[in-house]
């Protein structure tokens, strides 16, 4: 994975946490957004972990360009700042995950594993902020076509969406629902199209808003 943060102590701390998992390796480190983009092109990591506040080019701008030019890389924002505007913009730019530096270290491991497997991940603190915002009329709450489209999902698509909303990858969803991964991928594409959303995170938000997330 690629790690980008302008504070060397933060990078060292993140490396220490990731070292707990034998299947995670930091292949490159960057201290600003421009360097992160250059290293991403060079190393093609599965996951890029980007801080928001970085010099020269901030993490959100780097994430937007990375998601556009290198969509095969899963982008996670790791930041001290949990303001709604940062969360909203990160998701709009195509990030697959959002974690706070104050989160439990296990959330970092869970998030990287989920995004590396093709899923999406929001730390509990971020998910709670999003749900609160939805209830108050925030993100996506004023998008009636998206909510109405939930009624057009098939029963199987709703099952897939429920698991997708918990951040599971296609392979994990397939194991839960006894489907081959290609079939899950087709269902996910259909769900995104019917809901009119751009990525799995926005679909997960719709699932939370609709109350169909399974707690099993």
N, C-alpha and C. Protein backbone atom coordinates (compact mmCIF):
# COMPACT_ATOMS: atom_id res chain seq x y z
N UNK A 1 0.84 -1.19 0.00
CA UNK A 1 0.00 0.00 0.00
C UNK A 1 0.87 1.24 0.00
N UNK A 2 0.26 2.36 -0.36
CA UNK A 2 0.91 3.66 -0.37
C UNK A 2 0.42 4.46 0.83
N UNK A 3 1.35 5.05 1.55
CA UNK A 3 1.02 5.85 2.73
C UNK A 3 1.46 7.28 2.49
N UNK A 4 0.53 8.22 2.61
CA UNK A 4 0.86 9.62 2.37
C UNK A 4 0.41 10.48 3.55
N UNK A 5 1.38 11.11 4.21
CA UNK A 5 1.12 12.01 5.34
C UNK A 5 2.34 12.88 5.49
N UNK A 6 2.14 14.16 5.75
CA UNK A 6 3.29 15.05 5.84
C UNK A 6 4.02 14.97 7.18
N UNK A 7 3.49 14.21 8.14
CA UNK A 7 4.13 14.06 9.44
C UNK A 7 4.80 12.69 9.52
N UNK A 8 6.11 12.69 9.66
CA UNK A 8 6.85 11.43 9.68
C UNK A 8 6.47 10.55 10.87
N UNK A 9 6.13 11.16 12.00
CA UNK A 9 5.74 10.37 13.18
C UNK A 9 4.42 9.63 12.93
N UNK A 10 3.51 10.27 12.22
CA UNK A 10 2.24 9.62 11.88
C UNK A 10 2.50 8.45 10.94
N UNK A 11 3.36 8.65 9.95
CA UNK A 11 3.68 7.55 9.03
C UNK A 11 4.30 6.38 9.77
N UNK A 12 5.17 6.69 10.72
CA UNK A 12 5.81 5.62 11.50
C UNK A 12 4.78 4.87 12.32
N UNK A 13 3.84 5.60 12.90
CA UNK A 13 2.80 4.97 13.70
C UNK A 13 1.90 4.07 12.87
N UNK A 14 1.54 4.54 11.69
CA UNK A 14 0.69 3.75 10.81
C UNK A 14 1.43 2.49 10.35
N UNK A 15 2.71 2.64 10.00
CA UNK A 15 3.51 1.47 9.61
C UNK A 15 3.55 0.44 10.73
N UNK A 16 3.68 0.93 11.95
CA UNK A 16 3.74 0.02 13.10
C UNK A 16 2.44 -0.77 13.25
N UNK A 17 1.31 -0.10 13.03
CA UNK A 17 0.02 -0.78 13.14
C UNK A 17 -0.15 -1.79 12.02
N UNK A 18 0.19 -1.40 10.80
CA UNK A 18 0.04 -2.29 9.65
C UNK A 18 0.95 -3.50 9.76
N UNK A 19 2.08 -3.33 10.45
CA UNK A 19 3.03 -4.43 10.60
C UNK A 19 2.44 -5.59 11.39
N UNK A 20 1.33 -5.36 12.09
CA UNK A 20 0.68 -6.43 12.84
C UNK A 20 0.05 -7.46 11.91
N UNK A 21 -0.20 -7.06 10.68
CA UNK A 21 -0.81 -7.98 9.72
C UNK A 21 0.24 -8.41 8.71
N UNK A 22 0.52 -9.71 8.60
CA UNK A 22 1.58 -10.18 7.70
C UNK A 22 1.27 -9.97 6.21
N UNK A 23 0.00 -9.74 5.86
CA UNK A 23 -0.35 -9.58 4.45
C UNK A 23 -0.44 -8.12 4.03
N UNK A 24 0.04 -7.21 4.88
CA UNK A 24 0.04 -5.78 4.53
C UNK A 24 1.46 -5.27 4.45
N UNK A 25 1.75 -4.55 3.39
CA UNK A 25 3.10 -4.01 3.19
C UNK A 25 3.02 -2.60 2.63
N UNK A 26 3.74 -1.68 3.26
CA UNK A 26 3.83 -0.32 2.75
C UNK A 26 4.95 -0.30 1.71
N UNK A 27 4.57 -0.11 0.45
CA UNK A 27 5.55 -0.14 -0.64
C UNK A 27 6.11 1.24 -0.96
N UNK A 28 5.43 2.30 -0.49
CA UNK A 28 5.90 3.65 -0.77
C UNK A 28 5.29 4.63 0.22
N UNK A 29 6.03 5.70 0.50
CA UNK A 29 5.56 6.75 1.40
C UNK A 29 5.72 8.11 0.74
N UNK A 30 4.76 8.98 1.00
CA UNK A 30 4.79 10.32 0.42
C UNK A 30 4.47 11.34 1.50
N UNK A 31 4.98 12.56 1.31
CA UNK A 31 4.73 13.63 2.29
C UNK A 31 3.84 14.73 1.74
N UNK A 32 3.41 14.59 0.48
CA UNK A 32 2.47 15.56 -0.10
C UNK A 32 1.68 14.88 -1.22
N UNK A 33 0.65 15.54 -1.68
CA UNK A 33 -0.24 14.95 -2.66
C UNK A 33 0.41 14.67 -4.00
N UNK A 34 1.27 15.58 -4.47
CA UNK A 34 1.92 15.37 -5.75
C UNK A 34 2.82 14.13 -5.72
N UNK A 35 3.55 13.99 -4.62
CA UNK A 35 4.42 12.83 -4.47
C UNK A 35 3.59 11.55 -4.40
N UNK A 36 2.44 11.63 -3.73
CA UNK A 36 1.56 10.46 -3.61
C UNK A 36 1.09 10.01 -4.99
N UNK A 37 0.73 10.94 -5.86
CA UNK A 37 0.27 10.59 -7.19
C UNK A 37 1.39 9.96 -8.02
N UNK A 38 2.58 10.52 -7.90
CA UNK A 38 3.73 9.99 -8.65
C UNK A 38 4.05 8.56 -8.20
N UNK A 39 4.05 8.35 -6.88
CA UNK A 39 4.37 7.02 -6.36
C UNK A 39 3.26 6.02 -6.66
N UNK A 40 2.01 6.50 -6.68
CA UNK A 40 0.90 5.60 -7.02
C UNK A 40 1.04 5.10 -8.45
N UNK A 41 1.40 5.99 -9.36
CA UNK A 41 1.59 5.58 -10.76
C UNK A 41 2.75 4.59 -10.88
N UNK A 42 3.79 4.80 -10.09
CA UNK A 42 4.98 3.97 -10.19
C UNK A 42 4.77 2.58 -9.59
N UNK A 43 4.11 2.53 -8.43
CA UNK A 43 4.01 1.27 -7.70
C UNK A 43 2.66 0.55 -7.87
N UNK A 44 1.62 1.28 -8.30
CA UNK A 44 0.30 0.68 -8.47
C UNK A 44 -0.13 -0.15 -7.24
N UNK A 45 -0.20 0.47 -6.08
CA UNK A 45 -0.59 -0.27 -4.87
C UNK A 45 -2.07 -0.64 -4.89
N UNK A 46 -2.43 -1.62 -4.10
CA UNK A 46 -3.85 -1.99 -3.97
C UNK A 46 -4.63 -0.90 -3.25
N UNK A 47 -3.97 -0.27 -2.26
CA UNK A 47 -4.62 0.73 -1.42
C UNK A 47 -3.71 1.94 -1.25
N UNK A 48 -4.30 3.13 -1.26
CA UNK A 48 -3.58 4.36 -0.94
C UNK A 48 -4.24 4.99 0.29
N UNK A 49 -3.46 5.21 1.32
CA UNK A 49 -3.95 5.81 2.56
C UNK A 49 -3.47 7.26 2.57
N UNK A 50 -4.40 8.20 2.45
CA UNK A 50 -4.03 9.61 2.26
C UNK A 50 -4.52 10.48 3.41
N UNK A 51 -3.62 11.32 3.92
CA UNK A 51 -4.02 12.35 4.88
C UNK A 51 -4.71 13.48 4.10
N UNK A 52 -5.60 14.19 4.75
CA UNK A 52 -6.29 15.28 4.06
C UNK A 52 -5.42 16.53 3.98
N UNK A 53 -4.85 16.93 5.12
CA UNK A 53 -4.07 18.16 5.16
C UNK A 53 -2.61 17.86 4.85
N UNK A 54 -2.24 18.11 3.58
CA UNK A 54 -0.84 17.96 3.16
C UNK A 54 -0.44 19.17 2.33
N UNK A 55 0.84 19.52 2.33
CA UNK A 55 1.29 20.68 1.56
C UNK A 55 1.30 20.41 0.06
N UNK A 56 1.35 21.49 -0.69
CA UNK A 56 1.44 21.49 -2.16
C UNK A 56 0.16 20.99 -2.82
N UNK A 57 -0.26 19.78 -2.50
CA UNK A 57 -1.53 19.26 -3.01
C UNK A 57 -2.17 18.48 -1.88
N UNK A 58 -3.36 18.90 -1.46
CA UNK A 58 -4.00 18.24 -0.32
C UNK A 58 -4.50 16.85 -0.69
N UNK A 59 -4.80 16.07 0.35
CA UNK A 59 -5.20 14.69 0.14
C UNK A 59 -6.49 14.51 -0.63
N UNK A 60 -7.44 15.40 -0.43
CA UNK A 60 -8.70 15.30 -1.15
C UNK A 60 -8.52 15.51 -2.64
N UNK A 61 -7.69 16.49 -2.99
CA UNK A 61 -7.41 16.73 -4.41
C UNK A 61 -6.64 15.57 -5.02
N UNK A 62 -5.69 15.03 -4.25
CA UNK A 62 -4.94 13.87 -4.73
C UNK A 62 -5.86 12.67 -4.89
N UNK A 63 -6.78 12.50 -3.95
CA UNK A 63 -7.73 11.38 -4.03
C UNK A 63 -8.59 11.49 -5.27
N UNK A 64 -9.06 12.70 -5.56
CA UNK A 64 -9.90 12.90 -6.74
C UNK A 64 -9.18 12.50 -8.01
N UNK A 65 -7.92 12.93 -8.13
CA UNK A 65 -7.16 12.60 -9.34
C UNK A 65 -6.82 11.12 -9.39
N UNK A 66 -6.51 10.54 -8.24
CA UNK A 66 -6.17 9.12 -8.18
C UNK A 66 -7.37 8.26 -8.56
N UNK A 67 -8.54 8.60 -8.02
CA UNK A 67 -9.74 7.83 -8.32
C UNK A 67 -10.12 7.95 -9.79
N UNK A 68 -9.84 9.10 -10.38
CA UNK A 68 -10.17 9.31 -11.79
C UNK A 68 -9.18 8.60 -12.72
N UNK A 69 -7.88 8.71 -12.42
CA UNK A 69 -6.86 8.20 -13.32
C UNK A 69 -6.42 6.76 -13.01
N UNK A 70 -6.60 6.35 -11.74
CA UNK A 70 -6.16 5.01 -11.32
C UNK A 70 -7.26 4.35 -10.50
N UNK A 71 -8.41 4.10 -11.10
CA UNK A 71 -9.56 3.60 -10.34
C UNK A 71 -9.34 2.22 -9.72
N UNK A 72 -8.30 1.51 -10.16
CA UNK A 72 -8.02 0.20 -9.58
C UNK A 72 -7.42 0.31 -8.17
N UNK A 73 -6.99 1.50 -7.78
CA UNK A 73 -6.43 1.72 -6.44
C UNK A 73 -7.54 2.13 -5.49
N UNK A 74 -7.69 1.41 -4.39
CA UNK A 74 -8.67 1.78 -3.38
C UNK A 74 -8.12 2.89 -2.50
N UNK A 75 -8.84 4.00 -2.40
CA UNK A 75 -8.36 5.17 -1.66
C UNK A 75 -9.07 5.26 -0.31
N UNK A 76 -8.28 5.42 0.73
CA UNK A 76 -8.80 5.63 2.09
C UNK A 76 -8.26 6.95 2.61
N UNK A 77 -9.14 7.78 3.15
CA UNK A 77 -8.71 9.01 3.79
C UNK A 77 -8.49 8.73 5.27
N UNK A 78 -7.34 9.12 5.78
CA UNK A 78 -7.00 8.98 7.19
C UNK A 78 -6.66 10.36 7.71
N UNK A 79 -7.46 10.88 8.61
CA UNK A 79 -7.29 12.28 8.98
C UNK A 79 -7.71 12.56 10.42
N UNK A 80 -7.23 13.67 10.93
CA UNK A 80 -7.65 14.16 12.23
C UNK A 80 -9.00 14.83 12.13
N UNK A 81 -9.32 15.28 10.93
CA UNK A 81 -10.51 16.10 10.72
C UNK A 81 -11.70 15.26 10.28
N UNK A 82 -12.77 15.27 11.09
CA UNK A 82 -13.97 14.51 10.77
C UNK A 82 -15.14 15.39 10.40
N UNK A 83 -14.85 16.63 9.96
CA UNK A 83 -15.93 17.54 9.60
C UNK A 83 -16.75 16.98 8.44
N UNK A 84 -18.04 17.27 8.49
CA UNK A 84 -18.95 16.73 7.48
C UNK A 84 -18.52 17.08 6.06
N UNK A 85 -17.99 18.30 5.87
CA UNK A 85 -17.63 18.71 4.52
C UNK A 85 -16.48 17.86 3.97
N UNK A 86 -15.56 17.46 4.83
CA UNK A 86 -14.46 16.60 4.39
C UNK A 86 -14.96 15.20 4.05
N UNK A 87 -15.84 14.67 4.91
CA UNK A 87 -16.38 13.33 4.67
C UNK A 87 -17.16 13.32 3.35
N UNK A 88 -18.02 14.32 3.18
CA UNK A 88 -18.85 14.39 1.98
C UNK A 88 -18.00 14.50 0.73
N UNK A 89 -17.01 15.39 0.76
CA UNK A 89 -16.18 15.58 -0.44
C UNK A 89 -15.38 14.32 -0.74
N UNK A 90 -14.84 13.67 0.29
CA UNK A 90 -14.06 12.45 0.06
C UNK A 90 -14.89 11.39 -0.64
N UNK A 91 -16.13 11.21 -0.19
CA UNK A 91 -17.00 10.21 -0.80
C UNK A 91 -17.39 10.63 -2.21
N UNK A 92 -17.62 11.91 -2.40
CA UNK A 92 -17.98 12.39 -3.74
C UNK A 92 -16.83 12.21 -4.72
N UNK A 93 -15.60 12.31 -4.23
CA UNK A 93 -14.45 12.18 -5.11
C UNK A 93 -14.14 10.72 -5.43
N UNK A 94 -14.81 9.79 -4.74
CA UNK A 94 -14.63 8.38 -5.06
C UNK A 94 -13.84 7.58 -4.05
N UNK A 95 -13.53 8.15 -2.88
CA UNK A 95 -12.80 7.40 -1.86
C UNK A 95 -13.62 6.20 -1.41
N UNK A 96 -12.95 5.11 -1.11
CA UNK A 96 -13.62 3.89 -0.67
C UNK A 96 -13.64 3.74 0.84
N UNK A 97 -12.93 4.62 1.54
CA UNK A 97 -12.90 4.53 2.99
C UNK A 97 -12.57 5.86 3.62
N UNK A 98 -12.97 6.01 4.88
CA UNK A 98 -12.69 7.23 5.63
C UNK A 98 -12.46 6.83 7.08
N UNK A 99 -11.25 7.10 7.58
CA UNK A 99 -10.89 6.76 8.95
C UNK A 99 -10.36 8.00 9.66
N UNK A 100 -10.53 8.01 10.98
CA UNK A 100 -10.01 9.10 11.79
C UNK A 100 -8.77 8.63 12.54
N UNK A 101 -7.80 9.53 12.71
CA UNK A 101 -6.57 9.16 13.41
C UNK A 101 -6.84 8.83 14.88
N UNK A 102 -7.97 9.28 15.39
CA UNK A 102 -8.33 8.98 16.78
C UNK A 102 -9.02 7.63 16.92
N UNK A 103 -9.29 6.96 15.81
CA UNK A 103 -9.96 5.65 15.86
C UNK A 103 -9.06 4.60 16.51
N UNK A 104 -9.69 3.52 16.94
CA UNK A 104 -8.95 2.37 17.43
C UNK A 104 -8.07 1.82 16.30
N UNK A 105 -6.82 1.44 16.58
CA UNK A 105 -5.94 0.90 15.52
C UNK A 105 -6.55 -0.26 14.75
N UNK A 106 -7.44 -1.00 15.39
CA UNK A 106 -8.08 -2.11 14.69
C UNK A 106 -8.91 -1.63 13.52
N UNK A 107 -9.44 -0.40 13.61
CA UNK A 107 -10.22 0.14 12.50
C UNK A 107 -9.34 0.35 11.27
N UNK A 108 -8.09 0.73 11.49
CA UNK A 108 -7.17 0.90 10.37
C UNK A 108 -6.95 -0.43 9.66
N UNK A 109 -6.69 -1.47 10.42
CA UNK A 109 -6.49 -2.79 9.83
C UNK A 109 -7.74 -3.27 9.11
N UNK A 110 -8.90 -3.10 9.75
CA UNK A 110 -10.17 -3.52 9.14
C UNK A 110 -10.43 -2.76 7.85
N UNK A 111 -10.15 -1.46 7.88
CA UNK A 111 -10.41 -0.63 6.71
C UNK A 111 -9.53 -0.99 5.54
N UNK A 112 -8.24 -1.17 5.79
CA UNK A 112 -7.32 -1.52 4.71
C UNK A 112 -7.67 -2.89 4.13
N UNK A 113 -7.98 -3.84 4.98
CA UNK A 113 -8.35 -5.18 4.50
C UNK A 113 -9.60 -5.12 3.64
N UNK A 114 -10.60 -4.37 4.09
CA UNK A 114 -11.86 -4.28 3.34
C UNK A 114 -11.66 -3.64 1.98
N UNK A 115 -10.95 -2.52 1.93
CA UNK A 115 -10.75 -1.81 0.67
C UNK A 115 -9.84 -2.59 -0.27
N UNK A 116 -8.82 -3.24 0.28
CA UNK A 116 -7.93 -4.06 -0.55
C UNK A 116 -8.68 -5.20 -1.21
N UNK A 117 -9.73 -5.67 -0.55
CA UNK A 117 -10.53 -6.78 -1.10
C UNK A 117 -11.63 -6.28 -2.04
N UNK A 118 -11.66 -4.98 -2.29
CA UNK A 118 -12.64 -4.44 -3.21
C UNK A 118 -13.89 -3.91 -2.54
N UNK A 119 -13.88 -3.84 -1.21
CA UNK A 119 -15.04 -3.34 -0.48
C UNK A 119 -14.89 -1.87 -0.13
N UNK A 120 -15.69 -1.43 0.81
CA UNK A 120 -15.64 -0.05 1.28
C UNK A 120 -15.67 -0.08 2.80
N UNK A 121 -15.16 0.99 3.42
CA UNK A 121 -15.11 0.97 4.89
C UNK A 121 -15.19 2.39 5.45
N UNK A 122 -16.12 2.58 6.37
CA UNK A 122 -16.22 3.82 7.13
C UNK A 122 -16.05 3.45 8.60
N UNK A 123 -15.18 4.15 9.31
CA UNK A 123 -15.03 3.86 10.73
C UNK A 123 -16.36 4.13 11.42
N UNK A 124 -16.63 3.47 12.55
CA UNK A 124 -17.90 3.68 13.25
C UNK A 124 -18.19 5.15 13.54
N UNK A 125 -17.16 5.91 13.91
CA UNK A 125 -17.38 7.33 14.20
C UNK A 125 -17.84 8.09 12.96
N UNK A 126 -17.26 7.76 11.82
CA UNK A 126 -17.64 8.43 10.57
C UNK A 126 -19.03 7.98 10.14
N UNK A 127 -19.30 6.68 10.23
CA UNK A 127 -20.62 6.17 9.87
C UNK A 127 -21.70 6.83 10.72
N UNK A 128 -21.42 7.01 12.00
CA UNK A 128 -22.39 7.65 12.89
C UNK A 128 -22.65 9.09 12.46
N UNK A 129 -21.59 9.80 12.04
CA UNK A 129 -21.76 11.17 11.58
C UNK A 129 -22.64 11.21 10.33
N UNK A 130 -22.42 10.27 9.43
CA UNK A 130 -23.19 10.24 8.19
C UNK A 130 -24.66 9.95 8.48
N UNK A 131 -24.91 8.96 9.34
CA UNK A 131 -26.29 8.61 9.68
C UNK A 131 -26.99 9.77 10.34
N UNK A 132 -26.29 10.46 11.25
CA UNK A 132 -26.87 11.64 11.90
C UNK A 132 -27.20 12.71 10.89
N UNK A 133 -26.27 12.90 9.92
CA UNK A 133 -26.51 13.89 8.89
C UNK A 133 -27.70 13.54 8.02
N UNK A 134 -27.86 12.25 7.72
CA UNK A 134 -29.00 11.81 6.92
C UNK A 134 -30.31 12.08 7.65
N UNK A 135 -30.33 11.77 8.92
CA UNK A 135 -31.56 11.99 9.70
C UNK A 135 -31.90 13.47 9.81
N UNK A 136 -30.86 14.31 9.75
CA UNK A 136 -31.08 15.75 9.86
C UNK A 136 -31.29 16.40 8.49
N UNK A 137 -31.33 15.57 7.45
CA UNK A 137 -31.53 16.11 6.10
C UNK A 137 -30.24 16.44 5.41
N UNK A 138 -29.17 15.68 5.72
CA UNK A 138 -27.86 15.95 5.14
C UNK A 138 -27.60 15.16 3.88
N UNK A 139 -26.43 14.56 3.83
CA UNK A 139 -25.95 13.87 2.63
C UNK A 139 -26.95 12.89 2.07
N UNK A 140 -27.32 13.09 0.82
CA UNK A 140 -28.22 12.22 0.06
C UNK A 140 -29.67 12.21 0.55
N UNK A 141 -29.94 12.84 1.69
CA UNK A 141 -31.29 12.79 2.22
C UNK A 141 -32.28 13.55 1.33
N UNK A 142 -31.78 14.50 0.56
CA UNK A 142 -32.65 15.29 -0.30
C UNK A 142 -32.62 14.80 -1.73
N UNK A 143 -32.44 13.50 -1.90
CA UNK A 143 -32.37 12.92 -3.23
C UNK A 143 -33.48 11.87 -3.38
N UNK A 144 -34.74 12.30 -3.53
CA UNK A 144 -35.86 11.37 -3.60
C UNK A 144 -35.73 10.30 -4.67
N UNK A 145 -35.20 10.62 -5.89
CA UNK A 145 -35.10 9.54 -6.89
C UNK A 145 -34.27 8.36 -6.39
N UNK A 146 -33.17 8.64 -5.65
CA UNK A 146 -32.34 7.55 -5.13
C UNK A 146 -33.13 6.70 -4.15
N UNK A 147 -33.87 7.35 -3.25
CA UNK A 147 -34.64 6.60 -2.26
C UNK A 147 -35.77 5.81 -2.93
N UNK A 148 -36.44 6.40 -3.88
CA UNK A 148 -37.52 5.69 -4.58
C UNK A 148 -36.97 4.49 -5.35
N UNK A 149 -35.73 4.63 -5.84
CA UNK A 149 -35.15 3.55 -6.62
C UNK A 149 -34.94 2.29 -5.79
N UNK A 150 -34.85 2.42 -4.48
CA UNK A 150 -34.70 1.24 -3.63
C UNK A 150 -35.87 0.28 -3.82
N UNK A 151 -37.05 0.82 -4.13
CA UNK A 151 -38.22 -0.03 -4.33
C UNK A 151 -38.10 -0.89 -5.59
N UNK A 152 -37.20 -0.50 -6.49
CA UNK A 152 -37.04 -1.23 -7.75
C UNK A 152 -35.97 -2.32 -7.68
N UNK A 153 -35.31 -2.44 -6.53
CA UNK A 153 -34.32 -3.49 -6.38
C UNK A 153 -35.02 -4.84 -6.18
N UNK A 154 -34.44 -5.87 -6.75
CA UNK A 154 -34.98 -7.20 -6.53
C UNK A 154 -34.63 -7.64 -5.11
N UNK A 155 -35.24 -8.71 -4.66
CA UNK A 155 -34.96 -9.21 -3.32
C UNK A 155 -33.48 -9.58 -3.18
N UNK A 156 -32.92 -10.21 -4.21
CA UNK A 156 -31.51 -10.58 -4.16
C UNK A 156 -30.62 -9.35 -4.15
N UNK A 157 -30.98 -8.32 -4.93
CA UNK A 157 -30.19 -7.09 -4.94
C UNK A 157 -30.23 -6.40 -3.58
N UNK A 158 -31.36 -6.47 -2.90
CA UNK A 158 -31.44 -5.89 -1.56
C UNK A 158 -30.56 -6.68 -0.59
N UNK A 159 -30.49 -7.99 -0.77
CA UNK A 159 -29.60 -8.80 0.06
C UNK A 159 -28.14 -8.39 -0.15
N UNK A 160 -27.77 -8.22 -1.42
CA UNK A 160 -26.41 -7.82 -1.75
C UNK A 160 -26.12 -6.43 -1.19
N UNK A 161 -27.06 -5.51 -1.34
CA UNK A 161 -26.88 -4.15 -0.84
C UNK A 161 -26.70 -4.13 0.67
N UNK A 162 -27.44 -4.98 1.37
CA UNK A 162 -27.32 -5.03 2.82
C UNK A 162 -25.90 -5.40 3.25
N UNK A 163 -25.33 -6.38 2.56
CA UNK A 163 -23.96 -6.79 2.89
C UNK A 163 -22.94 -5.78 2.38
N UNK A 164 -23.19 -5.20 1.21
CA UNK A 164 -22.32 -4.17 0.68
C UNK A 164 -22.26 -2.99 1.65
N UNK A 165 -23.41 -2.69 2.25
CA UNK A 165 -23.47 -1.57 3.19
C UNK A 165 -22.63 -1.77 4.43
N UNK A 166 -22.28 -3.01 4.71
CA UNK A 166 -21.41 -3.29 5.85
C UNK A 166 -19.94 -3.33 5.46
N UNK A 167 -19.66 -2.98 4.19
CA UNK A 167 -18.29 -2.88 3.73
C UNK A 167 -17.68 -4.16 3.22
N UNK A 168 -18.51 -5.20 2.98
CA UNK A 168 -17.98 -6.48 2.53
C UNK A 168 -17.56 -6.41 1.05
N UNK A 169 -16.54 -7.16 0.71
CA UNK A 169 -16.10 -7.24 -0.68
C UNK A 169 -17.03 -8.17 -1.45
N UNK A 170 -16.86 -8.20 -2.78
CA UNK A 170 -17.68 -9.10 -3.60
C UNK A 170 -17.49 -10.56 -3.20
N UNK A 171 -16.24 -10.93 -2.93
CA UNK A 171 -15.96 -12.32 -2.54
C UNK A 171 -16.64 -12.67 -1.22
N UNK A 172 -16.60 -11.75 -0.27
CA UNK A 172 -17.23 -12.00 1.04
C UNK A 172 -18.75 -12.08 0.90
N UNK A 173 -19.31 -11.21 0.07
CA UNK A 173 -20.76 -11.25 -0.16
C UNK A 173 -21.14 -12.57 -0.80
N UNK A 174 -20.32 -13.00 -1.76
CA UNK A 174 -20.59 -14.27 -2.43
C UNK A 174 -20.62 -15.44 -1.46
N UNK A 175 -19.67 -15.44 -0.52
CA UNK A 175 -19.65 -16.53 0.47
C UNK A 175 -20.87 -16.48 1.38
N UNK A 176 -21.29 -15.27 1.75
CA UNK A 176 -22.46 -15.14 2.63
C UNK A 176 -23.75 -15.58 1.93
N UNK A 177 -23.86 -15.26 0.65
CA UNK A 177 -25.10 -15.51 -0.08
C UNK A 177 -25.01 -16.73 -1.00
N UNK A 178 -23.88 -17.42 -0.96
CA UNK A 178 -23.68 -18.63 -1.78
C UNK A 178 -23.81 -18.32 -3.27
N UNK A 179 -23.10 -17.24 -3.67
CA UNK A 179 -23.08 -16.82 -5.07
C UNK A 179 -21.64 -16.77 -5.54
N UNK A 180 -21.43 -16.97 -6.84
CA UNK A 180 -20.08 -16.81 -7.38
C UNK A 180 -19.78 -15.32 -7.45
N UNK A 181 -18.50 -14.98 -7.39
CA UNK A 181 -18.10 -13.58 -7.31
C UNK A 181 -18.57 -12.78 -8.53
N UNK A 182 -18.55 -13.41 -9.71
CA UNK A 182 -19.00 -12.71 -10.91
C UNK A 182 -20.47 -12.31 -10.83
N UNK A 183 -21.29 -13.17 -10.23
CA UNK A 183 -22.71 -12.85 -10.07
C UNK A 183 -22.89 -11.69 -9.12
N UNK A 184 -22.11 -11.68 -8.03
CA UNK A 184 -22.18 -10.57 -7.08
C UNK A 184 -21.79 -9.26 -7.78
N UNK A 185 -20.74 -9.31 -8.57
CA UNK A 185 -20.30 -8.12 -9.29
C UNK A 185 -21.40 -7.59 -10.19
N UNK A 186 -22.11 -8.49 -10.86
CA UNK A 186 -23.22 -8.07 -11.73
C UNK A 186 -24.33 -7.43 -10.91
N UNK A 187 -24.64 -8.01 -9.74
CA UNK A 187 -25.67 -7.43 -8.88
C UNK A 187 -25.26 -6.04 -8.39
N UNK A 188 -23.98 -5.89 -8.03
CA UNK A 188 -23.50 -4.59 -7.54
C UNK A 188 -23.63 -3.54 -8.65
N UNK A 189 -23.27 -3.89 -9.86
CA UNK A 189 -23.39 -2.95 -10.98
C UNK A 189 -24.85 -2.55 -11.20
N UNK A 190 -25.75 -3.53 -11.09
CA UNK A 190 -27.18 -3.24 -11.25
C UNK A 190 -27.67 -2.32 -10.13
N UNK A 191 -27.20 -2.56 -8.91
CA UNK A 191 -27.61 -1.74 -7.78
C UNK A 191 -27.16 -0.30 -7.95
N UNK A 192 -25.89 -0.11 -8.35
CA UNK A 192 -25.38 1.25 -8.55
C UNK A 192 -26.20 1.97 -9.62
N UNK A 193 -26.51 1.26 -10.69
CA UNK A 193 -27.29 1.87 -11.77
C UNK A 193 -28.69 2.25 -11.33
N UNK A 194 -29.37 1.34 -10.61
CA UNK A 194 -30.74 1.62 -10.18
C UNK A 194 -30.81 2.73 -9.14
N UNK A 195 -29.80 2.80 -8.27
CA UNK A 195 -29.80 3.84 -7.25
C UNK A 195 -29.28 5.17 -7.77
N UNK A 196 -28.61 5.13 -8.91
CA UNK A 196 -28.06 6.36 -9.47
C UNK A 196 -26.89 6.89 -8.66
N UNK A 197 -26.11 5.98 -8.05
CA UNK A 197 -24.95 6.39 -7.27
C UNK A 197 -23.68 5.98 -8.00
N UNK A 198 -22.56 6.58 -7.60
CA UNK A 198 -21.32 6.39 -8.36
C UNK A 198 -20.42 5.30 -7.82
N UNK A 199 -20.58 4.97 -6.55
CA UNK A 199 -19.66 3.98 -5.98
C UNK A 199 -20.32 3.24 -4.83
N UNK A 200 -19.57 2.29 -4.27
CA UNK A 200 -20.09 1.42 -3.23
C UNK A 200 -20.39 2.18 -1.93
N UNK A 201 -19.60 3.20 -1.66
CA UNK A 201 -19.83 3.96 -0.43
C UNK A 201 -21.16 4.69 -0.47
N UNK A 202 -21.46 5.32 -1.62
CA UNK A 202 -22.75 5.99 -1.74
C UNK A 202 -23.89 4.98 -1.66
N UNK A 203 -23.69 3.80 -2.22
CA UNK A 203 -24.71 2.76 -2.11
C UNK A 203 -24.89 2.35 -0.65
N UNK A 204 -23.77 2.26 0.09
CA UNK A 204 -23.85 1.90 1.50
C UNK A 204 -24.61 2.95 2.30
N UNK A 205 -24.41 4.21 1.95
CA UNK A 205 -25.14 5.29 2.63
C UNK A 205 -26.64 5.14 2.39
N UNK A 206 -27.00 4.81 1.14
CA UNK A 206 -28.41 4.60 0.82
C UNK A 206 -28.96 3.43 1.62
N UNK A 207 -28.15 2.40 1.81
CA UNK A 207 -28.59 1.24 2.58
C UNK A 207 -28.83 1.61 4.04
N UNK A 208 -27.93 2.40 4.60
CA UNK A 208 -28.12 2.85 5.98
C UNK A 208 -29.38 3.70 6.10
N UNK A 209 -29.55 4.61 5.14
CA UNK A 209 -30.70 5.51 5.19
C UNK A 209 -32.01 4.74 5.09
N UNK A 210 -32.00 3.67 4.29
CA UNK A 210 -33.22 2.89 4.09
C UNK A 210 -33.47 1.90 5.24
N UNK A 211 -32.48 1.75 6.12
CA UNK A 211 -32.66 0.85 7.26
C UNK A 211 -32.58 -0.62 6.89
N UNK A 212 -31.84 -0.97 5.83
CA UNK A 212 -31.80 -2.37 5.43
C UNK A 212 -30.47 -3.04 5.76
N UNK A 213 -29.61 -2.35 6.53
CA UNK A 213 -28.36 -2.97 6.94
C UNK A 213 -28.64 -4.09 7.93
N UNK A 214 -28.12 -5.25 7.64
CA UNK A 214 -28.32 -6.40 8.51
C UNK A 214 -27.30 -6.38 9.65
N UNK A 215 -27.73 -6.71 10.83
CA UNK A 215 -26.85 -6.68 11.99
C UNK A 215 -26.43 -8.06 12.44
N UNK A 216 -26.63 -9.10 11.57
CA UNK A 216 -26.26 -10.45 11.98
C UNK A 216 -24.74 -10.63 11.98
